[in-house]
mmCIF file of all heavy atoms, coordinates in Angstrom:
data_MODEL
# 
_entry.id   MODEL 
# 
loop_
_atom_site.group_PDB 
_atom_site.id 
_atom_site.type_symbol 
_atom_site.label_atom_id 
_atom_site.label_alt_id 
_atom_site.label_comp_id 
_atom_site.label_asym_id 
_atom_site.label_entity_id 
_atom_site.label_seq_id 
_atom_site.pdbx_PDB_ins_code 
_atom_site.Cartn_x 
_atom_site.Cartn_y 
_atom_site.Cartn_z 
_atom_site.occupancy 
_atom_site.B_iso_or_equiv 
_atom_site.pdbx_formal_charge 
_atom_site.auth_seq_id 
_atom_site.auth_comp_id 
_atom_site.auth_asym_id 
_atom_site.auth_atom_id 
_atom_site.pdbx_PDB_model_num 
ATOM 1   N N   . LYS A 1 1  ? 12.086  6.542   -12.720 1.00 0.00 ? 1  LYS A N   1 
ATOM 2   C CA  . LYS A 1 1  ? 11.416  5.257   -12.509 1.00 0.00 ? 1  LYS A CA  1 
ATOM 3   C C   . LYS A 1 1  ? 11.837  4.635   -11.183 1.00 0.00 ? 1  LYS A C   1 
ATOM 4   O O   . LYS A 1 1  ? 11.020  4.018   -10.482 1.00 0.00 ? 1  LYS A O   1 
ATOM 5   C CB  . LYS A 1 1  ? 11.699  4.317   -13.682 1.00 0.00 ? 1  LYS A CB  1 
ATOM 6   C CG  . LYS A 1 1  ? 10.943  4.686   -14.952 1.00 0.00 ? 1  LYS A CG  1 
ATOM 7   C CD  . LYS A 1 1  ? 11.205  3.699   -16.061 1.00 0.00 ? 1  LYS A CD  1 
ATOM 8   C CE  . LYS A 1 1  ? 10.345  4.011   -17.295 1.00 0.00 ? 1  LYS A CE  1 
ATOM 9   N NZ  . LYS A 1 1  ? 8.916   3.727   -17.073 1.00 0.00 ? 1  LYS A NZ  1 
ATOM 10  N N   . ILE A 1 2  ? 13.108  4.768   -10.828 1.00 0.00 ? 2  ILE A N   1 
ATOM 11  C CA  . ILE A 1 2  ? 13.573  4.262   -9.532  1.00 0.00 ? 2  ILE A CA  1 
ATOM 12  C C   . ILE A 1 2  ? 12.843  4.974   -8.405  1.00 0.00 ? 2  ILE A C   1 
ATOM 13  O O   . ILE A 1 2  ? 12.322  4.342   -7.473  1.00 0.00 ? 2  ILE A O   1 
ATOM 14  C CB  . ILE A 1 2  ? 15.098  4.454   -9.394  1.00 0.00 ? 2  ILE A CB  1 
ATOM 15  C CG1 . ILE A 1 2  ? 15.837  3.479   -10.310 1.00 0.00 ? 2  ILE A CG1 1 
ATOM 16  C CG2 . ILE A 1 2  ? 15.540  4.242   -7.945  1.00 0.00 ? 2  ILE A CG2 1 
ATOM 17  C CD1 . ILE A 1 2  ? 17.333  3.716   -10.390 1.00 0.00 ? 2  ILE A CD1 1 
ATOM 18  N N   . GLU A 1 3  ? 12.775  6.297   -8.479  1.00 0.00 ? 3  GLU A N   1 
ATOM 19  C CA  . GLU A 1 3  ? 12.115  7.085   -7.439  1.00 0.00 ? 3  GLU A CA  1 
ATOM 20  C C   . GLU A 1 3  ? 10.625  6.752   -7.364  1.00 0.00 ? 3  GLU A C   1 
ATOM 21  O O   . GLU A 1 3  ? 10.056  6.652   -6.272  1.00 0.00 ? 3  GLU A O   1 
ATOM 22  C CB  . GLU A 1 3  ? 12.313  8.573   -7.708  1.00 0.00 ? 3  GLU A CB  1 
ATOM 23  C CG  . GLU A 1 3  ? 13.755  9.028   -7.518  1.00 0.00 ? 3  GLU A CG  1 
ATOM 24  C CD  . GLU A 1 3  ? 13.967  10.482  -7.907  1.00 0.00 ? 3  GLU A CD  1 
ATOM 25  O OE1 . GLU A 1 3  ? 13.097  11.028  -8.629  1.00 0.00 ? 3  GLU A OE1 1 
ATOM 26  O OE2 . GLU A 1 3  ? 14.987  11.068  -7.485  1.00 0.00 ? 3  GLU A OE2 1 
ATOM 27  N N   . SER A 1 4  ? 10.000  6.560   -8.522  1.00 0.00 ? 4  SER A N   1 
ATOM 28  C CA  . SER A 1 4  ? 8.578   6.230   -8.556  1.00 0.00 ? 4  SER A CA  1 
ATOM 29  C C   . SER A 1 4  ? 8.307   4.901   -7.859  1.00 0.00 ? 4  SER A C   1 
ATOM 30  O O   . SER A 1 4  ? 7.397   4.780   -7.035  1.00 0.00 ? 4  SER A O   1 
ATOM 31  C CB  . SER A 1 4  ? 8.093   6.170   -10.006 1.00 0.00 ? 4  SER A CB  1 
ATOM 32  O OG  . SER A 1 4  ? 6.769   5.681   -10.079 1.00 0.00 ? 4  SER A OG  1 
ATOM 33  N N   . ASN A 1 5  ? 9.126   3.889   -8.182  1.00 0.00 ? 5  ASN A N   1 
ATOM 34  C CA  . ASN A 1 5  ? 8.929   2.570   -7.576  1.00 0.00 ? 5  ASN A CA  1 
ATOM 35  C C   . ASN A 1 5  ? 9.228   2.573   -6.086  1.00 0.00 ? 5  ASN A C   1 
ATOM 36  O O   . ASN A 1 5  ? 8.544   1.914   -5.302  1.00 0.00 ? 5  ASN A O   1 
ATOM 37  C CB  . ASN A 1 5  ? 9.795   1.535   -8.295  1.00 0.00 ? 5  ASN A CB  1 
ATOM 38  C CG  . ASN A 1 5  ? 9.167   1.038   -9.580  1.00 0.00 ? 5  ASN A CG  1 
ATOM 39  O OD1 . ASN A 1 5  ? 8.272   0.203   -9.565  1.00 0.00 ? 5  ASN A OD1 1 
ATOM 40  N ND2 . ASN A 1 5  ? 9.622   1.561   -10.710 1.00 0.00 ? 5  ASN A ND2 1 
ATOM 41  N N   . LEU A 1 6  ? 10.240  3.330   -5.679  1.00 0.00 ? 6  LEU A N   1 
ATOM 42  C CA  . LEU A 1 6  ? 10.573  3.410   -4.255  1.00 0.00 ? 6  LEU A CA  1 
ATOM 43  C C   . LEU A 1 6  ? 9.473   4.137   -3.475  1.00 0.00 ? 6  LEU A C   1 
ATOM 44  O O   . LEU A 1 6  ? 9.155   3.758   -2.341  1.00 0.00 ? 6  LEU A O   1 
ATOM 45  C CB  . LEU A 1 6  ? 11.915  4.113   -4.058  1.00 0.00 ? 6  LEU A CB  1 
ATOM 46  C CG  . LEU A 1 6  ? 13.151  3.314   -4.478  1.00 0.00 ? 6  LEU A CG  1 
ATOM 47  C CD1 . LEU A 1 6  ? 14.403  4.189   -4.388  1.00 0.00 ? 6  LEU A CD1 1 
ATOM 48  C CD2 . LEU A 1 6  ? 13.319  2.061   -3.616  1.00 0.00 ? 6  LEU A CD2 1 
ATOM 49  N N   . ARG A 1 7  ? 8.904   5.187   -4.077  1.00 0.00 ? 7  ARG A N   1 
ATOM 50  C CA  . ARG A 1 7  ? 7.814   5.898   -3.406  1.00 0.00 ? 7  ARG A CA  1 
ATOM 51  C C   . ARG A 1 7  ? 6.633   4.976   -3.164  1.00 0.00 ? 7  ARG A C   1 
ATOM 52  O O   . ARG A 1 7  ? 6.029   4.980   -2.095  1.00 0.00 ? 7  ARG A O   1 
ATOM 53  C CB  . ARG A 1 7  ? 7.365   7.111   -4.230  1.00 0.00 ? 7  ARG A CB  1 
ATOM 54  C CG  . ARG A 1 7  ? 8.245   8.337   -4.097  1.00 0.00 ? 7  ARG A CG  1 
ATOM 55  C CD  . ARG A 1 7  ? 7.512   9.582   -4.572  1.00 0.00 ? 7  ARG A CD  1 
ATOM 56  N NE  . ARG A 1 7  ? 7.027   9.468   -5.937  1.00 0.00 ? 7  ARG A NE  1 
ATOM 57  C CZ  . ARG A 1 7  ? 7.749   9.793   -7.007  1.00 0.00 ? 7  ARG A CZ  1 
ATOM 58  N NH1 . ARG A 1 7  ? 8.985   10.226  -6.872  1.00 0.00 ? 7  ARG A NH1 1 
ATOM 59  N NH2 . ARG A 1 7  ? 7.238   9.684   -8.210  1.00 0.00 ? 7  ARG A NH2 1 
ATOM 60  N N   . ARG A 1 8  ? 6.317   4.215   -4.174  1.00 0.00 ? 8  ARG A N   1 
ATOM 61  C CA  . ARG A 1 8  ? 5.156   3.339   -4.051  1.00 0.00 ? 8  ARG A CA  1 
ATOM 62  C C   . ARG A 1 8  ? 5.413   2.218   -3.059  1.00 0.00 ? 8  ARG A C   1 
ATOM 63  O O   . ARG A 1 8  ? 4.495   1.755   -2.373  1.00 0.00 ? 8  ARG A O   1 
ATOM 64  C CB  . ARG A 1 8  ? 4.791   2.760   -5.422  1.00 0.00 ? 8  ARG A CB  1 
ATOM 65  C CG  . ARG A 1 8  ? 4.290   3.819   -6.381  1.00 0.00 ? 8  ARG A CG  1 
ATOM 66  C CD  . ARG A 1 8  ? 3.616   3.221   -7.604  1.00 0.00 ? 8  ARG A CD  1 
ATOM 67  N NE  . ARG A 1 8  ? 3.167   4.294   -8.487  1.00 0.00 ? 8  ARG A NE  1 
ATOM 68  C CZ  . ARG A 1 8  ? 2.068   5.006   -8.301  1.00 0.00 ? 8  ARG A CZ  1 
ATOM 69  N NH1 . ARG A 1 8  ? 1.309   4.761   -7.262  1.00 0.00 ? 8  ARG A NH1 1 
ATOM 70  N NH2 . ARG A 1 8  ? 1.726   5.962   -9.143  1.00 0.00 ? 8  ARG A NH2 1 
ATOM 71  N N   . ALA A 1 9  ? 6.655   1.764   -2.979  1.00 0.00 ? 9  ALA A N   1 
ATOM 72  C CA  . ALA A 1 9  ? 6.977   0.650   -2.083  1.00 0.00 ? 9  ALA A CA  1 
ATOM 73  C C   . ALA A 1 9  ? 7.187   1.084   -0.643  1.00 0.00 ? 9  ALA A C   1 
ATOM 74  O O   . ALA A 1 9  ? 6.771   0.401   0.292   1.00 0.00 ? 9  ALA A O   1 
ATOM 75  C CB  . ALA A 1 9  ? 8.218   -0.079  -2.588  1.00 0.00 ? 9  ALA A CB  1 
ATOM 76  N N   . TYR A 1 10 ? 7.852   2.249   -0.456  1.00 0.00 ? 10 TYR A N   1 
ATOM 77  C CA  . TYR A 1 10 ? 8.261   2.613   0.898   1.00 0.00 ? 10 TYR A CA  1 
ATOM 78  C C   . TYR A 1 10 ? 7.954   4.048   1.297   1.00 0.00 ? 10 TYR A C   1 
ATOM 79  O O   . TYR A 1 10 ? 8.047   4.388   2.479   1.00 0.00 ? 10 TYR A O   1 
ATOM 80  C CB  . TYR A 1 10 ? 9.778   2.414   1.057   1.00 0.00 ? 10 TYR A CB  1 
ATOM 81  C CG  . TYR A 1 10 ? 10.285  1.137   0.468   1.00 0.00 ? 10 TYR A CG  1 
ATOM 82  C CD1 . TYR A 1 10 ? 11.045  1.137   -0.701  1.00 0.00 ? 10 TYR A CD1 1 
ATOM 83  C CD2 . TYR A 1 10 ? 10.007  -0.084  1.068   1.00 0.00 ? 10 TYR A CD2 1 
ATOM 84  C CE1 . TYR A 1 10 ? 11.525  -0.044  -1.250  1.00 0.00 ? 10 TYR A CE1 1 
ATOM 85  C CE2 . TYR A 1 10 ? 10.477  -1.266  0.531   1.00 0.00 ? 10 TYR A CE2 1 
ATOM 86  C CZ  . TYR A 1 10 ? 11.241  -1.242  -0.636  1.00 0.00 ? 10 TYR A CZ  1 
ATOM 87  O OH  . TYR A 1 10 ? 11.702  -2.411  -1.168  1.00 0.00 ? 10 TYR A OH  1 
ATOM 88  N N   . GLY A 1 11 ? 7.622   4.900   0.328   1.00 0.00 ? 11 GLY A N   1 
ATOM 89  C CA  . GLY A 1 11 ? 7.530   6.322   0.636   1.00 0.00 ? 11 GLY A CA  1 
ATOM 90  C C   . GLY A 1 11 ? 6.134   6.867   0.747   1.00 0.00 ? 11 GLY A C   1 
ATOM 91  O O   . GLY A 1 11 ? 5.276   6.311   1.432   1.00 0.00 ? 11 GLY A O   1 
ATOM 92  N N   . LEU A 1 12 ? 5.884   7.954   0.016   1.00 0.00 ? 12 LEU A N   1 
ATOM 93  C CA  . LEU A 1 12 ? 4.626   8.684   0.136   1.00 0.00 ? 12 LEU A CA  1 
ATOM 94  C C   . LEU A 1 12 ? 3.412   7.812   -0.091  1.00 0.00 ? 12 LEU A C   1 
ATOM 95  O O   . LEU A 1 12 ? 2.381   7.990   0.555   1.00 0.00 ? 12 LEU A O   1 
ATOM 96  C CB  . LEU A 1 12 ? 4.598   9.844   -0.885  1.00 0.00 ? 12 LEU A CB  1 
ATOM 97  C CG  . LEU A 1 12 ? 5.460   11.062  -0.559  1.00 0.00 ? 12 LEU A CG  1 
ATOM 98  C CD1 . LEU A 1 12 ? 5.421   12.029  -1.723  1.00 0.00 ? 12 LEU A CD1 1 
ATOM 99  C CD2 . LEU A 1 12 ? 4.971   11.735  0.720   1.00 0.00 ? 12 LEU A CD2 1 
ATOM 100 N N   . TYR A 1 13 ? 3.535   6.863   -1.042  1.00 0.00 ? 13 TYR A N   1 
ATOM 101 C CA  . TYR A 1 13 ? 2.363   6.096   -1.405  1.00 0.00 ? 13 TYR A CA  1 
ATOM 102 C C   . TYR A 1 13 ? 2.288   4.767   -0.676  1.00 0.00 ? 13 TYR A C   1 
ATOM 103 O O   . TYR A 1 13 ? 1.377   3.983   -0.908  1.00 0.00 ? 13 TYR A O   1 
ATOM 104 C CB  . TYR A 1 13 ? 2.340   5.843   -2.923  1.00 0.00 ? 13 TYR A CB  1 
ATOM 105 C CG  . TYR A 1 13 ? 2.478   7.098   -3.742  1.00 0.00 ? 13 TYR A CG  1 
ATOM 106 C CD1 . TYR A 1 13 ? 3.160   7.106   -4.944  1.00 0.00 ? 13 TYR A CD1 1 
ATOM 107 C CD2 . TYR A 1 13 ? 1.930   8.303   -3.285  1.00 0.00 ? 13 TYR A CD2 1 
ATOM 108 C CE1 . TYR A 1 13 ? 3.288   8.275   -5.682  1.00 0.00 ? 13 TYR A CE1 1 
ATOM 109 C CE2 . TYR A 1 13 ? 2.057   9.458   -4.021  1.00 0.00 ? 13 TYR A CE2 1 
ATOM 110 C CZ  . TYR A 1 13 ? 2.730   9.438   -5.213  1.00 0.00 ? 13 TYR A CZ  1 
ATOM 111 O OH  . TYR A 1 13 ? 2.860   10.583  -5.950  1.00 0.00 ? 13 TYR A OH  1 
ATOM 112 N N   . ALA A 1 14 ? 3.259   4.484   0.183   1.00 0.00 ? 14 ALA A N   1 
ATOM 113 C CA  . ALA A 1 14 ? 3.215   3.254   0.965   1.00 0.00 ? 14 ALA A CA  1 
ATOM 114 C C   . ALA A 1 14 ? 2.225   3.426   2.109   1.00 0.00 ? 14 ALA A C   1 
ATOM 115 O O   . ALA A 1 14 ? 1.980   4.520   2.588   1.00 0.00 ? 14 ALA A O   1 
ATOM 116 C CB  . ALA A 1 14 ? 4.604   2.927   1.518   1.00 0.00 ? 14 ALA A CB  1 
ATOM 117 N N   . GLY A 1 15 ? 1.675   2.340   2.554   1.00 0.00 ? 15 GLY A N   1 
ATOM 118 C CA  . GLY A 1 15 ? 0.680   2.401   3.614   1.00 0.00 ? 15 GLY A CA  1 
ATOM 119 C C   . GLY A 1 15 ? 1.286   2.824   4.940   1.00 0.00 ? 15 GLY A C   1 
ATOM 120 O O   . GLY A 1 15 ? 2.439   2.545   5.234   1.00 0.00 ? 15 GLY A O   1 
ATOM 121 N N   . VAL A 1 16 ? 0.497   3.489   5.740   1.00 0.00 ? 16 VAL A N   1 
ATOM 122 C CA  . VAL A 1 16 ? 0.924   3.897   7.075   1.00 0.00 ? 16 VAL A CA  1 
ATOM 123 C C   . VAL A 1 16 ? 0.272   3.009   8.131   1.00 0.00 ? 16 VAL A C   1 
ATOM 124 O O   . VAL A 1 16 ? 0.905   2.552   9.062   1.00 0.00 ? 16 VAL A O   1 
ATOM 125 C CB  . VAL A 1 16 ? 0.547   5.375   7.329   1.00 0.00 ? 16 VAL A CB  1 
ATOM 126 C CG1 . VAL A 1 16 ? 0.892   5.768   8.761   1.00 0.00 ? 16 VAL A CG1 1 
ATOM 127 C CG2 . VAL A 1 16 ? 1.261   6.273   6.329   1.00 0.00 ? 16 VAL A CG2 1 
ATOM 128 N N   . GLN A 1 17 ? -1.012  2.734   7.978   1.00 0.00 ? 17 GLN A N   1 
ATOM 129 C CA  . GLN A 1 17 ? -1.710  1.880   8.921   1.00 0.00 ? 17 GLN A CA  1 
ATOM 130 C C   . GLN A 1 17 ? -1.481  0.419   8.537   1.00 0.00 ? 17 GLN A C   1 
ATOM 131 O O   . GLN A 1 17 ? -2.012  -0.078  7.566   1.00 0.00 ? 17 GLN A O   1 
ATOM 132 C CB  . GLN A 1 17 ? -3.213  2.199   8.903   1.00 0.00 ? 17 GLN A CB  1 
ATOM 133 C CG  . GLN A 1 17 ? -3.524  3.626   9.347   1.00 0.00 ? 17 GLN A CG  1 
ATOM 134 C CD  . GLN A 1 17 ? -4.990  3.908   9.240   1.00 0.00 ? 17 GLN A CD  1 
ATOM 135 O OE1 . GLN A 1 17 ? -5.586  3.772   8.171   1.00 0.00 ? 17 GLN A OE1 1 
ATOM 136 N NE2 . GLN A 1 17 ? -5.592  4.290   10.348  1.00 0.00 ? 17 GLN A NE2 1 
ATOM 137 N N   . LYS A 1 18 ? -0.715  -0.280  9.343   1.00 0.00 ? 18 LYS A N   1 
ATOM 138 C CA  . LYS A 1 18 ? -0.337  -1.639  8.992   1.00 0.00 ? 18 LYS A CA  1 
ATOM 139 C C   . LYS A 1 18 ? -1.493  -2.621  9.045   1.00 0.00 ? 18 LYS A C   1 
ATOM 140 O O   . LYS A 1 18 ? -1.401  -3.697  8.490   1.00 0.00 ? 18 LYS A O   1 
ATOM 141 C CB  . LYS A 1 18 ? 0.786   -2.107  9.938   1.00 0.00 ? 18 LYS A CB  1 
ATOM 142 C CG  . LYS A 1 18 ? 2.064   -1.279  9.817   1.00 0.00 ? 18 LYS A CG  1 
ATOM 143 C CD  . LYS A 1 18 ? 2.568   -1.227  8.394   1.00 0.00 ? 18 LYS A CD  1 
ATOM 144 C CE  . LYS A 1 18 ? 3.826   -0.391  8.273   1.00 0.00 ? 18 LYS A CE  1 
ATOM 145 N NZ  . LYS A 1 18 ? 4.282   -0.247  6.898   1.00 0.00 ? 18 LYS A NZ  1 
ATOM 146 N N   . SER A 1 19 ? -2.588  -2.261  9.730   1.00 0.00 ? 19 SER A N   1 
ATOM 147 C CA  . SER A 1 19 ? -3.704  -3.176  9.847   1.00 0.00 ? 19 SER A CA  1 
ATOM 148 C C   . SER A 1 19 ? -4.797  -2.900  8.808   1.00 0.00 ? 19 SER A C   1 
ATOM 149 O O   . SER A 1 19 ? -5.856  -3.505  8.841   1.00 0.00 ? 19 SER A O   1 
ATOM 150 C CB  . SER A 1 19 ? -4.303  -3.091  11.253  1.00 0.00 ? 19 SER A CB  1 
ATOM 151 O OG  . SER A 1 19 ? -4.769  -1.786  11.519  1.00 0.00 ? 19 SER A OG  1 
ATOM 152 N N   . ARG A 1 20 ? -4.548  -1.971  7.913   1.00 0.00 ? 20 ARG A N   1 
ATOM 153 C CA  . ARG A 1 20 ? -5.562  -1.590  6.919   1.00 0.00 ? 20 ARG A CA  1 
ATOM 154 C C   . ARG A 1 20 ? -5.956  -2.786  6.067   1.00 0.00 ? 20 ARG A C   1 
ATOM 155 O O   . ARG A 1 20 ? -5.114  -3.574  5.648   1.00 0.00 ? 20 ARG A O   1 
ATOM 156 C CB  . ARG A 1 20 ? -5.008  -0.474  6.036   1.00 0.00 ? 20 ARG A CB  1 
ATOM 157 C CG  . ARG A 1 20 ? -6.015  0.135   5.073   1.00 0.00 ? 20 ARG A CG  1 
ATOM 158 C CD  . ARG A 1 20 ? -5.477  1.420   4.502   1.00 0.00 ? 20 ARG A CD  1 
ATOM 159 N NE  . ARG A 1 20 ? -4.275  1.200   3.725   1.00 0.00 ? 20 ARG A NE  1 
ATOM 160 C CZ  . ARG A 1 20 ? -4.259  1.080   2.400   1.00 0.00 ? 20 ARG A CZ  1 
ATOM 161 N NH1 . ARG A 1 20 ? -5.390  1.153   1.722   1.00 0.00 ? 20 ARG A NH1 1 
ATOM 162 N NH2 . ARG A 1 20 ? -3.129  0.909   1.766   1.00 0.00 ? 20 ARG A NH2 1 
ATOM 163 N N   . SER A 1 21 ? -7.252  -2.929  5.812   1.00 0.00 ? 21 SER A N   1 
ATOM 164 C CA  . SER A 1 21 ? -7.725  -4.045  4.999   1.00 0.00 ? 21 SER A CA  1 
ATOM 165 C C   . SER A 1 21 ? -8.946  -3.616  4.199   1.00 0.00 ? 21 SER A C   1 
ATOM 166 O O   . SER A 1 21 ? -9.649  -2.667  4.562   1.00 0.00 ? 21 SER A O   1 
ATOM 167 C CB  . SER A 1 21 ? -8.069  -5.259  5.870   1.00 0.00 ? 21 SER A CB  1 
ATOM 168 O OG  . SER A 1 21 ? -9.165  -4.979  6.714   1.00 0.00 ? 21 SER A OG  1 
ATOM 169 N N   . ILE A 1 22 ? -9.202  -4.325  3.101   1.00 0.00 ? 22 ILE A N   1 
ATOM 170 C CA  . ILE A 1 22 ? -10.384 -4.108  2.274   1.00 0.00 ? 22 ILE A CA  1 
ATOM 171 C C   . ILE A 1 22 ? -11.041 -5.471  2.099   1.00 0.00 ? 22 ILE A C   1 
ATOM 172 O O   . ILE A 1 22 ? -10.370 -6.454  1.755   1.00 0.00 ? 22 ILE A O   1 
ATOM 173 C CB  . ILE A 1 22 ? -10.016 -3.528  0.901   1.00 0.00 ? 22 ILE A CB  1 
ATOM 174 C CG1 . ILE A 1 22 ? -9.297  -2.185  1.067   1.00 0.00 ? 22 ILE A CG1 1 
ATOM 175 C CG2 . ILE A 1 22 ? -11.260 -3.346  0.034   1.00 0.00 ? 22 ILE A CG2 1 
ATOM 176 C CD1 . ILE A 1 22 ? -8.775  -1.622  -0.234  1.00 0.00 ? 22 ILE A CD1 1 
ATOM 177 N N   . THR A 1 23 ? -12.342 -5.532  2.337   1.00 0.00 ? 23 THR A N   1 
ATOM 178 C CA  . THR A 1 23 ? -13.067 -6.802  2.250   1.00 0.00 ? 23 THR A CA  1 
ATOM 179 C C   . THR A 1 23 ? -14.238 -6.670  1.292   1.00 0.00 ? 23 THR A C   1 
ATOM 180 O O   . THR A 1 23 ? -15.024 -5.721  1.385   1.00 0.00 ? 23 THR A O   1 
ATOM 181 C CB  . THR A 1 23 ? -13.574 -7.249  3.630   1.00 0.00 ? 23 THR A CB  1 
ATOM 182 O OG1 . THR A 1 23 ? -12.473 -7.389  4.528   1.00 0.00 ? 23 THR A OG1 1 
ATOM 183 C CG2 . THR A 1 23 ? -14.304 -8.586  3.521   1.00 0.00 ? 23 THR A CG2 1 
ATOM 184 N N   . VAL A 1 24 ? -14.328 -7.603  0.369   1.00 0.00 ? 24 VAL A N   1 
ATOM 185 C CA  . VAL A 1 24 ? -15.454 -7.681  -0.555  1.00 0.00 ? 24 VAL A CA  1 
ATOM 186 C C   . VAL A 1 24 ? -15.913 -9.133  -0.607  1.00 0.00 ? 24 VAL A C   1 
ATOM 187 O O   . VAL A 1 24 ? -15.191 -10.007 -1.086  1.00 0.00 ? 24 VAL A O   1 
ATOM 188 C CB  . VAL A 1 24 ? -15.079 -7.198  -1.971  1.00 0.00 ? 24 VAL A CB  1 
ATOM 189 C CG1 . VAL A 1 24 ? -16.267 -7.387  -2.919  1.00 0.00 ? 24 VAL A CG1 1 
ATOM 190 C CG2 . VAL A 1 24 ? -14.642 -5.744  -1.963  1.00 0.00 ? 24 VAL A CG2 1 
ATOM 191 N N   . SER A 1 25 ? -17.100 -9.392  -0.072  1.00 0.00 ? 25 SER A N   1 
ATOM 192 C CA  . SER A 1 25 ? -17.700 -10.729 -0.140  1.00 0.00 ? 25 SER A CA  1 
ATOM 193 C C   . SER A 1 25 ? -16.754 -11.835 0.315   1.00 0.00 ? 25 SER A C   1 
ATOM 194 O O   . SER A 1 25 ? -16.620 -12.861 -0.354  1.00 0.00 ? 25 SER A O   1 
ATOM 195 C CB  . SER A 1 25 ? -18.184 -11.006 -1.564  1.00 0.00 ? 25 SER A CB  1 
ATOM 196 O OG  . SER A 1 25 ? -19.109 -10.021 -1.974  1.00 0.00 ? 25 SER A OG  1 
ATOM 197 N N   . GLY A 1 26 ? -16.077 -11.615 1.424   1.00 0.00 ? 26 GLY A N   1 
ATOM 198 C CA  . GLY A 1 26 ? -15.196 -12.640 1.974   1.00 0.00 ? 26 GLY A CA  1 
ATOM 199 C C   . GLY A 1 26 ? -13.782 -12.617 1.438   1.00 0.00 ? 26 GLY A C   1 
ATOM 200 O O   . GLY A 1 26 ? -12.909 -13.322 1.947   1.00 0.00 ? 26 GLY A O   1 
ATOM 201 N N   . LEU A 1 27 ? -13.527 -11.799 0.418   1.00 0.00 ? 27 LEU A N   1 
ATOM 202 C CA  . LEU A 1 27 ? -12.176 -11.638 -0.123  1.00 0.00 ? 27 LEU A CA  1 
ATOM 203 C C   . LEU A 1 27 ? -11.502 -10.494 0.628   1.00 0.00 ? 27 LEU A C   1 
ATOM 204 O O   . LEU A 1 27 ? -11.994 -9.368  0.615   1.00 0.00 ? 27 LEU A O   1 
ATOM 205 C CB  . LEU A 1 27 ? -12.240 -11.335 -1.620  1.00 0.00 ? 27 LEU A CB  1 
ATOM 206 C CG  . LEU A 1 27 ? -10.895 -11.133 -2.337  1.00 0.00 ? 27 LEU A CG  1 
ATOM 207 C CD1 . LEU A 1 27 ? -10.076 -12.414 -2.323  1.00 0.00 ? 27 LEU A CD1 1 
ATOM 208 C CD2 . LEU A 1 27 ? -11.125 -10.663 -3.774  1.00 0.00 ? 27 LEU A CD2 1 
ATOM 209 N N   . ASN A 1 28 ? -10.391 -10.787 1.290   1.00 0.00 ? 28 ASN A N   1 
ATOM 210 C CA  . ASN A 1 28 ? -9.714  -9.801  2.129   1.00 0.00 ? 28 ASN A CA  1 
ATOM 211 C C   . ASN A 1 28 ? -8.353  -9.431  1.548   1.00 0.00 ? 28 ASN A C   1 
ATOM 212 O O   . ASN A 1 28 ? -7.507  -10.312 1.342   1.00 0.00 ? 28 ASN A O   1 
ATOM 213 C CB  . ASN A 1 28 ? -9.510  -10.354 3.539   1.00 0.00 ? 28 ASN A CB  1 
ATOM 214 C CG  . ASN A 1 28 ? -10.830 -10.643 4.229   1.00 0.00 ? 28 ASN A CG  1 
ATOM 215 O OD1 . ASN A 1 28 ? -11.552 -9.740  4.609   1.00 0.00 ? 28 ASN A OD1 1 
ATOM 216 N ND2 . ASN A 1 28 ? -11.148 -11.918 4.376   1.00 0.00 ? 28 ASN A ND2 1 
# 
C-alpha cells in the first residue's frame, strides 16, 4: 500500500507534463 500510494503521488503514475489540463464546459 505504501508503494502503491507513492507510485501514484510521485512515481510511474504521477504526471510528467506539468502544464497538462482537462477542460469540460469551463471546468478546468
